[in-house]
Amino acid sequence: MIGSIVVNGMGNNPLYEKSYAFALQIVALYKELMLKEKEYTLSKQLLRSGTSIGANVSEANGAISKADFSSKISVAYK
């Protein structure tokens, strides 16, 4: 939960909270790079990679086995 926002209905999950907060910071940096610096190529890659962490964590949470979870969470870690 960030402030009063529940992230994906997960309540107080620190991993979700941190990945969500990080994604918000990445989006803000992306906007700044686009508007002030007119940087398009690197900023798009930054946006994709920075926001994919939360998606990978969510996917790991839906894993069907411990091995599947371990594999998917390691992708988010990388």
Protein backbone atom coordinates (compact mmCIF):
# COMPACT_ATOMS: atom_id res chain seq x y z
CA MET A 1 0.00 0.00 0.00
CA ILE A 2 1.42 3.37 -1.04
CA GLY A 3 -0.28 6.10 0.95
CA SER A 4 -3.92 5.13 0.65
CA ILE A 5 -3.49 3.16 -2.59
CA VAL A 6 -3.70 -0.63 -2.36
CA VAL A 7 -1.38 -2.09 -4.97
CA ASN A 8 -3.05 -4.97 -6.83
CA GLY A 9 -5.15 -5.71 -3.75
CA MET A 10 -2.06 -7.01 -1.93
CA GLY A 11 -2.39 -4.91 1.23
CA ASN A 12 0.86 -4.44 3.14
CA ASN A 13 3.32 -6.33 0.97
CA PRO A 14 6.72 -4.58 1.08
CA LEU A 15 7.84 -6.01 -2.26
CA TYR A 16 4.74 -4.69 -4.03
CA GLU A 17 5.04 -1.36 -2.25
CA LYS A 18 8.68 -0.89 -3.19
CA SER A 19 8.28 -1.96 -6.81
CA TYR A 20 5.25 0.34 -7.17
CA ALA A 21 7.09 3.30 -5.60
CA PHE A 22 10.08 2.62 -7.84
CA ALA A 23 7.84 2.52 -10.92
CA LEU A 24 6.34 5.89 -9.96
CA GLN A 25 9.83 7.38 -9.69
CA ILE A 26 10.78 5.90 -13.06
CA VAL A 27 7.68 7.38 -14.70
CA ALA A 28 8.51 10.81 -13.24
CA LEU A 29 12.10 10.57 -14.50
CA TYR A 30 10.84 9.44 -17.92
CA LYS A 31 8.57 12.48 -18.14
CA GLU A 32 11.42 14.79 -17.16
CA LEU A 33 13.76 13.28 -19.74
CA MET A 34 11.13 13.56 -22.45
CA LEU A 35 10.14 17.14 -21.71
CA LYS A 36 13.38 18.80 -20.62
CA GLU A 37 16.11 16.81 -22.31
CA LYS A 38 14.23 15.64 -25.41
CA GLU A 39 15.77 12.20 -24.86
CA TYR A 40 13.56 9.58 -26.48
CA THR A 41 15.50 6.34 -27.01
CA LEU A 42 17.06 5.86 -23.59
CA SER A 43 14.03 7.21 -21.75
CA LYS A 44 11.74 4.65 -23.39
CA GLN A 45 14.09 1.82 -22.44
CA LEU A 46 14.29 3.17 -18.88
CA LEU A 47 10.49 3.24 -18.68
CA ARG A 48 10.13 -0.33 -19.97
CA SER A 49 12.80 -1.81 -17.71
CA GLY A 50 11.89 0.19 -14.61
CA THR A 51 8.19 -0.62 -14.71
CA SER A 52 8.64 -4.29 -15.61
CA ILE A 53 9.83 -5.13 -12.09
CA GLY A 54 6.32 -4.85 -10.67
CA ALA A 55 4.89 -6.92 -13.50
CA ASN A 56 7.47 -9.65 -12.90
CA VAL A 57 6.77 -9.65 -9.15
CA SER A 58 3.03 -10.00 -9.84
CA GLU A 59 3.68 -12.84 -12.24
CA ALA A 60 5.86 -14.60 -9.67
CA ASN A 61 3.08 -14.27 -7.11
CA GLY A 62 0.81 -16.26 -9.43
CA ALA A 63 3.31 -19.10 -9.82
CA ILE A 64 2.01 -22.65 -9.65
CA SER A 65 4.95 -24.16 -7.73
CA LYS A 66 7.87 -23.12 -5.56
CA ALA A 67 10.27 -23.77 -8.44
CA ASP A 68 8.13 -21.65 -10.77
CA PHE A 69 7.99 -18.87 -8.17
CA SER A 70 11.75 -18.99 -7.68
CA SER A 71 12.35 -18.79 -11.42
CA LYS A 72 9.98 -15.86 -11.92
CA ILE A 73 11.10 -13.86 -8.91
CA SER A 74 14.70 -14.19 -10.05
CA VAL A 75 13.71 -12.49 -13.32
CA ALA A 76 12.32 -9.55 -11.30
CA TYR A 77 15.52 -9.49 -9.26
CA LYS A 78 17.69 -9.27 -12.37
